[in-house]
Protein backbone atom coordinates (compact mmCIF):
# COMPACT_ATOMS: atom_id res chain seq x y z
CA MET A 1 208.83 88.09 88.62
CA ILE A 2 211.42 88.68 91.48
CA ARG A 3 210.73 88.96 95.17
CA ALA A 4 212.56 89.40 97.76
CA CYS A 5 213.16 90.42 101.87
CA PHE A 6 216.32 92.51 101.19
CA PHE A 7 217.49 95.26 99.20
CA THR A 8 219.93 95.26 96.53
CA LEU A 9 219.60 98.15 93.77
CA ALA A 10 221.93 101.06 94.85
CA ILE A 11 219.97 103.33 92.20
CA LEU A 12 217.33 103.11 94.72
CA SER A 13 219.29 106.72 96.23
CA ALA A 14 218.13 107.83 92.62
CA LEU A 15 215.06 108.82 93.84
CA TRP A 16 215.08 111.13 96.41
CA ILE A 17 218.55 113.38 94.67
CA PRO A 18 216.43 115.57 92.58
CA SER A 19 214.38 117.08 95.17
CA ALA A 20 214.09 121.17 94.32
CA GLU A 21 214.16 122.41 96.94
CA ALA A 22 214.65 120.88 100.00
CA LEU A 23 218.04 121.60 101.71
CA LYS A 24 220.83 121.28 99.65
CA SER A 25 222.25 119.20 102.53
CA ASP A 26 219.49 116.85 101.48
CA ARG A 27 221.59 115.28 98.70
CA ASP A 28 224.64 114.59 100.56
CA GLN A 29 223.16 112.09 103.25
CA PRO A 30 222.73 108.31 103.54
CA ALA A 31 219.37 107.03 102.61
CA LEU A 32 217.24 105.07 104.47
CA ILE A 33 214.81 102.45 103.25
CA GLU A 34 212.74 100.02 104.65
CA ALA A 35 209.64 97.95 104.39
CA ASP A 36 208.45 94.56 104.76
CA GLU A 37 208.75 93.44 101.12
CA VAL A 38 210.22 93.89 98.03
CA GLU A 39 209.29 92.10 94.97
CA MET A 40 211.30 93.42 91.68
CA ASP A 41 210.45 92.84 88.28
CA PHE A 42 213.92 93.36 85.34
CA SER A 43 211.68 92.99 82.65
CA SER A 44 209.21 96.51 83.43
CA GLY A 45 211.67 98.20 85.18
CA ARG A 46 208.81 98.30 87.78
CA ARG A 47 210.12 97.85 91.82
CA ILE A 48 207.99 97.59 94.88
CA TYR A 49 208.39 97.69 98.22
CA ARG A 50 205.25 96.37 100.76
CA GLY A 51 204.47 96.44 103.85
CA ASN A 52 205.32 99.91 106.48
CA VAL A 53 207.72 101.15 103.85
CA SER A 54 209.24 103.91 105.73
CA VAL A 55 212.19 106.39 102.88
CA LYS A 56 214.51 108.68 105.24
CA GLN A 57 217.48 111.05 103.26
CA GLY A 58 218.40 114.41 104.81
CA THR A 59 215.01 116.03 105.58
CA ILE A 60 213.03 114.20 103.32
CA ARG A 61 210.79 111.23 105.01
CA ILE A 62 208.08 109.49 103.25
CA ILE A 63 205.42 106.64 104.99
CA ALA A 64 203.67 104.39 102.44
CA ASN A 65 201.92 101.21 102.62
CA GLU A 66 203.01 100.49 99.94
CA ILE A 67 206.07 102.51 96.96
CA GLU A 68 206.35 101.34 93.52
CA LEU A 69 209.36 102.58 90.97
CA PHE A 70 209.13 102.82 87.32
CA TYR A 71 212.05 102.68 85.69
CA GLU A 72 213.23 103.61 81.49
CA GLY A 73 216.26 101.21 82.09
CA GLU A 74 218.20 102.16 84.72
CA GLN A 75 217.38 106.39 84.91
CA LEU A 76 213.80 106.41 87.14
CA ASP A 77 210.88 108.13 85.65
CA LYS A 78 208.01 108.13 88.45
CA ALA A 79 207.64 106.96 91.68
CA ILE A 80 203.66 106.22 93.37
CA ALA A 81 203.61 105.82 96.99
CA LYS A 82 200.03 104.66 98.76
CA GLY A 83 198.44 105.07 102.22
CA ASN A 84 196.18 105.17 104.71
CA PRO A 85 197.30 107.76 104.06
CA ALA A 86 200.38 108.06 102.75
CA VAL A 87 202.54 111.02 104.09
CA PHE A 88 205.88 113.53 102.51
CA ARG A 89 207.67 115.49 104.39
CA GLN A 90 210.61 118.23 103.13
CA ARG A 91 212.31 120.55 104.05
CA PRO A 92 212.51 123.70 101.81
CA ASP A 93 215.13 125.64 101.32
CA ASP A 94 215.45 128.99 103.27
CA LYS A 95 212.60 127.89 105.10
CA PRO A 96 211.30 127.75 108.83
CA HIS A 97 208.86 125.22 108.45
CA ASP A 98 208.75 121.99 106.71
CA VAL A 99 206.06 120.96 104.10
CA ILE A 100 203.62 118.26 105.46
CA GLY A 101 201.57 117.03 102.41
CA GLN A 102 198.89 113.64 102.53
CA GLY A 103 197.06 111.95 100.36
CA LEU A 104 195.65 108.46 99.26
CA THR A 105 198.39 108.35 96.48
CA ILE A 106 201.52 110.74 96.22
CA GLU A 107 203.41 110.57 92.97
CA LEU A 108 206.73 111.99 92.43
CA ASP A 109 207.24 112.62 89.03
CA GLU A 110 211.12 112.50 88.50
CA ILE A 111 211.40 114.85 85.28
CA ARG A 112 208.98 117.67 86.18
CA ASN A 113 209.64 117.38 90.15
CA VAL A 114 206.39 117.73 91.15
CA VAL A 115 205.13 116.06 93.78
CA THR A 116 200.81 115.09 93.32
CA PHE A 117 198.28 114.56 96.65
CA ILE A 118 195.54 112.65 95.47
CA GLU A 119 192.90 112.29 97.21
CA GLN A 120 191.43 113.55 100.75
CA ALA A 121 194.98 115.37 100.01
CA LYS A 122 196.30 117.71 102.66
CA VAL A 123 199.78 119.44 102.34
CA ARG A 124 200.13 122.01 105.60
CA GLN A 125 203.32 123.95 105.86
CA GLY A 126 203.31 125.99 109.41
CA GLY A 127 200.58 127.29 110.80
CA ASP A 128 199.23 127.10 107.03
CA ALA A 129 196.86 124.18 105.88
CA ILE A 130 195.20 123.46 102.70
CA SER A 131 193.03 120.83 101.04
CA GLY A 132 191.23 118.80 98.56
CA GLU A 133 190.76 116.06 96.25
CA THR A 134 194.21 116.42 94.59
CA ILE A 135 197.23 118.31 95.11
CA GLU A 136 200.00 119.39 92.59
CA TYR A 137 203.57 121.10 94.23
CA ASP A 138 206.31 121.91 92.38
CA MET A 139 209.13 121.66 94.20
CA ALA A 140 211.55 123.63 92.19
CA LYS A 141 208.70 126.67 91.74
CA ASP A 142 207.06 126.28 95.51
CA LYS A 143 204.41 126.56 93.81
CA MET A 144 200.61 124.63 94.62
CA LYS A 145 197.28 124.08 92.05
CA VAL A 146 194.73 122.33 94.10
CA ARG A 147 191.74 120.63 92.74
CA GLY A 148 188.20 119.64 93.86
CA HIS A 149 186.43 121.24 97.34
CA THR A 150 189.16 123.40 98.86
CA VAL A 151 189.92 124.37 102.15
CA THR A 152 192.00 126.51 103.90
CA THR A 153 192.46 126.03 107.50
CA LYS A 154 195.62 127.08 110.50
CA ALA A 155 197.43 124.50 110.53
CA PRO A 156 196.50 122.92 114.35
CA LYS A 157 199.72 121.91 116.90
CA LYS A 158 201.42 118.35 116.33
CA THR A 159 198.93 116.03 118.36
CA ALA A 160 198.91 112.39 118.50
CA GLY A 161 196.46 112.34 115.57
CA ASN A 162 197.99 113.50 113.58
CA PRO A 163 200.18 112.20 110.63
CA ASP A 164 203.29 113.47 111.37
CA PHE A 165 205.70 110.03 111.16
CA LYS A 166 204.26 107.94 113.64
CA THR A 167 201.85 105.39 112.23
CA ALA A 168 200.73 102.34 113.43
CA GLY A 169 203.80 100.20 113.03
CA ASN A 170 206.62 102.24 111.41
CA SER A 171 207.80 103.48 114.97
CA GLN A 172 208.37 99.55 116.10
CA ASP A 173 212.23 98.23 116.27
CA ASP A 174 211.83 95.88 114.16
CA SER A 175 215.31 93.69 113.46
CA SER A 176 214.18 91.43 110.98
CA ARG A 177 212.44 94.59 109.04
CA PRO A 178 214.77 94.35 106.04
CA ARG A 179 216.93 97.57 105.35
CA ILE A 180 219.17 99.27 103.54
CA VAL A 181 221.67 102.39 104.01
CA ILE A 182 223.03 104.64 100.79
CA GLN A 183 225.63 105.92 100.92
CA PRO A 184 225.73 109.39 98.78
CA ARG A 185 227.54 109.37 95.64
CA LYS A 186 230.30 111.48 96.90
CA ASP A 187 231.46 109.52 99.46
CA GLN A 188 232.09 106.71 96.84
CA GLU A 189 233.90 108.48 95.12
CA ALA A 190 236.07 110.11 97.42
CA LYS A 191 236.62 106.42 97.97
CA ASN A 192 237.57 105.02 95.03
CA SER A 193 239.69 108.88 94.53
CA SER A 194 241.95 107.39 98.10
CA THR A 195 242.41 104.11 96.89
CA LYS A 196 243.64 104.65 92.97
CA ALA A 197 247.00 103.44 92.40
CA ALA A 198 250.59 105.60 92.26
CA SER A 199 251.19 106.76 88.98
CA ASP A 200 253.71 104.61 86.65
CA PRO A 201 257.33 106.30 86.97
CA ALA A 202 258.37 104.82 83.80
CA ARG A 203 255.21 105.96 81.76
CA SER A 204 256.95 106.63 77.48
CA PRO A 205 257.35 110.49 77.30
CA SER A 206 254.96 109.91 74.26
CA GLN A 207 252.67 109.53 77.19
CA PRO A 208 250.81 112.39 78.72
CA LYS A 209 251.63 113.53 82.38
CA ALA A 210 248.21 113.38 84.11
CA PRO A 211 247.36 115.61 86.29
CA SER A 212 246.62 115.51 90.49
CA THR A 213 243.20 114.71 91.11
CA ASN A 214 242.68 117.03 93.72
CA PRO A 215 242.14 120.23 92.13
CA SER A 216 244.35 122.55 94.42
CA SER A 217 247.11 120.85 93.90
CA LEU A 218 247.20 121.24 90.30
CA THR A 219 249.07 124.29 88.45
CA GLY A 220 249.95 127.21 90.73
CA LYS A 221 245.93 127.87 93.16
CA THR A 222 244.34 128.23 90.09
CA GLY A 223 242.59 124.46 90.16
CA PHE A 224 243.74 123.30 86.88
CA GLN A 225 246.09 122.68 84.25
CA PRO A 226 246.34 124.18 81.26
CA ALA A 227 246.04 121.52 78.18
CA TYR A 228 245.04 121.22 74.42
CA VAL A 229 243.68 118.81 72.78
CA GLY A 230 246.32 116.16 70.54
CA LYS A 231 245.84 115.02 67.10
CA GLY A 232 241.92 113.90 65.86
CA GLY A 233 240.70 115.63 68.25
CA ALA A 234 238.94 114.43 70.91
CA SER A 235 235.35 112.45 71.95
CA VAL A 236 233.59 113.91 75.55
CA HIS A 237 232.38 111.44 76.86
CA ALA A 238 229.26 111.60 80.03
CA SER A 239 231.64 108.84 82.36
CA ARG A 240 234.37 107.57 82.20
CA SER A 241 234.12 104.98 79.37
CA GLN A 242 234.44 104.64 76.06
CA ALA A 243 231.03 102.50 75.95
CA SER A 244 229.18 105.23 77.66
CA ALA A 245 226.61 108.69 75.53
CA VAL A 246 229.26 110.31 73.17
CA ILE A 247 228.22 114.36 74.07
CA GLY A 248 230.10 116.21 72.18
CA LYS A 249 233.34 116.79 70.25
CA LEU A 250 236.07 118.80 70.88
CA SER A 251 238.98 120.15 67.27
CA HIS A 252 242.28 119.44 67.57
CA GLY A 253 244.30 122.67 69.26
CA ASP A 254 240.71 124.01 71.43
CA PRO A 255 242.10 125.29 74.63
CA VAL A 256 240.86 123.05 77.44
CA LYS A 257 241.17 122.75 81.67
CA VAL A 258 241.76 119.76 83.22
CA VAL A 259 240.85 119.94 86.67
CA ALA A 260 241.06 115.98 87.92
CA SER A 261 242.37 112.65 85.93
CA ASP A 262 240.78 108.99 86.75
CA GLY A 263 242.14 105.50 85.09
CA GLY A 264 243.48 107.32 81.95
CA TRP A 265 240.57 109.56 82.22
CA PHE A 266 240.96 113.60 81.93
CA LYS A 267 238.01 115.78 83.64
CA VAL A 268 238.29 119.03 81.70
CA ASN A 269 236.34 122.25 82.09
CA THR A 270 235.72 123.96 77.78
CA PRO A 271 233.83 126.46 76.18
CA LEU A 272 233.94 124.22 73.36
CA GLY A 273 231.86 121.12 71.81
CA VAL A 274 229.39 120.13 74.29
CA ALA A 275 225.31 120.39 74.36
CA VAL A 276 223.78 118.93 76.53
CA TRP A 277 219.31 118.32 77.54
CA ILE A 278 217.18 119.86 80.11
CA TYR A 279 213.66 119.78 80.78
CA GLY A 280 212.42 122.98 78.93
CA GLN A 281 210.45 124.83 81.95
CA PHE A 282 213.37 124.62 84.56
CA VAL A 283 215.52 127.23 81.93
CA THR A 284 214.08 131.08 81.27
CA GLY A 285 214.27 131.67 77.31
CA SER A 286 213.61 129.70 74.29
CA SER A 287 217.44 131.45 72.10
CA GLY A 288 220.18 133.18 73.41
CA THR A 289 221.31 133.57 78.14
CA GLY A 290 218.89 132.17 80.02
CA GLU A 291 218.87 131.26 83.54
CA VAL A 292 218.22 127.54 85.65
CA SER A 293 214.94 128.41 87.51
CA GLY A 294 215.45 125.10 90.03
CA ASN A 295 218.06 123.08 92.02
CA ASN A 296 219.54 120.09 91.25
CA VAL A 297 217.61 120.10 88.09
CA ARG A 298 219.26 117.48 85.45
CA LEU A 299 221.09 116.89 82.72
CA ARG A 300 221.29 114.83 79.39
CA SER A 301 222.90 113.22 76.76
CA VAL A 302 220.02 113.39 75.09
CA PRO A 303 216.03 114.92 75.02
CA SER A 304 213.89 112.48 76.47
CA THR A 305 214.15 109.91 79.67
CA GLY A 306 214.54 107.09 77.18
CA LYS A 307 216.88 103.19 77.40
CA ASP A 308 219.26 105.57 74.96
CA SER A 309 219.05 108.96 77.18
CA VAL A 310 222.13 109.50 80.63
CA VAL A 311 222.39 111.69 83.42
CA VAL A 312 225.19 113.66 82.90
CA GLY A 313 225.30 116.41 86.20
CA SER A 314 222.84 118.81 87.00
CA LEU A 315 222.56 122.57 88.14
CA ASN A 316 221.22 124.68 90.22
CA ARG A 317 218.73 127.61 90.94
CA GLY A 318 220.48 131.08 88.77
CA THR A 319 222.79 128.94 86.84
CA ALA A 320 223.54 131.16 83.62
CA VAL A 321 222.90 128.77 80.46
CA ARG A 322 223.15 129.61 76.86
CA VAL A 323 220.70 128.30 75.27
CA LEU A 324 221.07 126.65 72.13
CA GLN A 325 217.52 124.92 70.73
CA VAL A 326 213.99 124.26 71.62
CA ARG A 327 213.03 120.47 71.02
CA GLY A 328 209.96 119.29 72.03
CA ASP A 329 209.17 120.13 76.19
CA TRP A 330 213.63 119.87 76.04
CA LYS A 331 216.01 122.54 74.87
CA GLN A 332 219.72 122.28 74.16
CA ILE A 333 221.94 124.27 76.81
CA THR A 334 225.55 125.04 77.00
CA PRO A 335 226.53 124.83 80.32
CA PRO A 336 228.56 126.72 82.18
CA ILE A 337 232.45 126.74 81.76
CA ASP A 338 232.93 125.48 85.03
CA PHE A 339 230.86 122.09 84.40
CA GLY A 340 233.58 119.16 84.01
CA PHE A 341 233.67 115.79 81.12
CA TRP A 342 235.19 113.07 80.46
CA VAL A 343 238.31 112.71 77.32
CA PRO A 344 240.63 109.93 76.26
CA ALA A 345 243.47 111.06 79.01
CA SER A 346 245.39 110.38 75.38
CA LYS A 347 244.02 113.12 73.33
CA ILE A 348 244.45 116.06 75.64
CA ASN A 349 248.27 117.33 75.81
CA PRO A 350 248.69 119.27 78.86
CA LEU A 351 251.05 122.13 79.75
CA GLU A 352 253.76 122.62 82.24
CA HIS A 353 251.89 126.14 83.26
CA ALA A 354 249.50 128.81 81.42
CA SER A 355 250.94 129.81 78.36
CA ALA A 356 250.77 133.26 77.12
CA ASP A 357 249.64 132.15 73.87
CA TRP A 358 247.16 128.99 76.21
CA LEU A 359 245.32 132.36 78.01
CA GLY A 360 244.73 134.09 74.66
CA ASP A 361 243.67 131.17 72.41
CA TRP A 362 241.54 130.17 75.93
CA GLN A 363 240.07 134.09 75.48
CA ALA A 364 238.87 133.20 71.96
CA SER A 365 237.24 129.91 73.43
CA LEU A 366 235.18 132.05 75.47
CA ARG A 367 234.38 134.61 73.23
CA ARG A 368 233.52 132.16 70.48
CA SER A 369 230.92 130.34 72.65
CA GLY A 370 229.45 133.06 74.02
CA VAL A 371 230.06 131.46 77.59
CA THR A 372 231.50 133.35 80.36
CA ASP A 373 234.60 132.27 82.53
């Protein structure tokens, strides 16, 4: 067990990214987290933040006396906030008012995208308010379930007594309090991209020519470079590492679109050889064409959130996918054609331009997979 008065975990930002009904810009904002104390138990995967805990990211606000995080490996499973009361606030997409909820305990289910307010629970949005012993708010479907004695009222106007994120001990400006600003992933990726070394002009002719990492500068205005999978095929990885999870296999001669390159890896679009898992309640149908019903719904390498499960990306509401099979609460899908996957660059043979043969092979692969371009 380790106690500390500072934050060092960049993966903490994963807690706030999957909020399904928040403004889409939330996930692109830095997360500012403040607390008086943090306790980390690496053996059990628990992180406990105590004392005037404040979380801010985009439209999201959380105020609590204590927040505890539960991890499976490096993947967040759930979070529990406690206070008197703990308060949660978020602006849903296309809505003029925030959803503001409170309870002595607030549970955030990372997998189901559900927030549950427990004991003295209250939720309001605009002029409407509801209270009960337990309120379950499904962020993906924008629905609520209320248990216990229920009261529905018109919410009062803001007053000094309302839980509007100005509670005692949280409006203070105390520079001694530990705090961290977590930058969104895309900012870090942009930084990494801008600092990469230039291509080696002495490259052997047998090595494939890497396309630009800027899609707009690839072949013409297509935003991709046509290519074929080389001899021996190619394993598809969850990230740019041979040690990362293998989530598919491409065969020799399969056509692909190369959309980026990074450190000996190509990011490709392909309709063949790749299948991923998604929590079943967020996809319609059990076979054939389905549709994603939530925003920022995570895709995983295996049908679980255990240590061997790797997040490979996310999809938003309305995205069409092909459902391959159902296993328990999970569904295996073929993601949309513009979803990028990583393969070793040495396994791919880029072309100078999209020849008639390549275009024909690409269209044939789309027909075989049932995926539309």
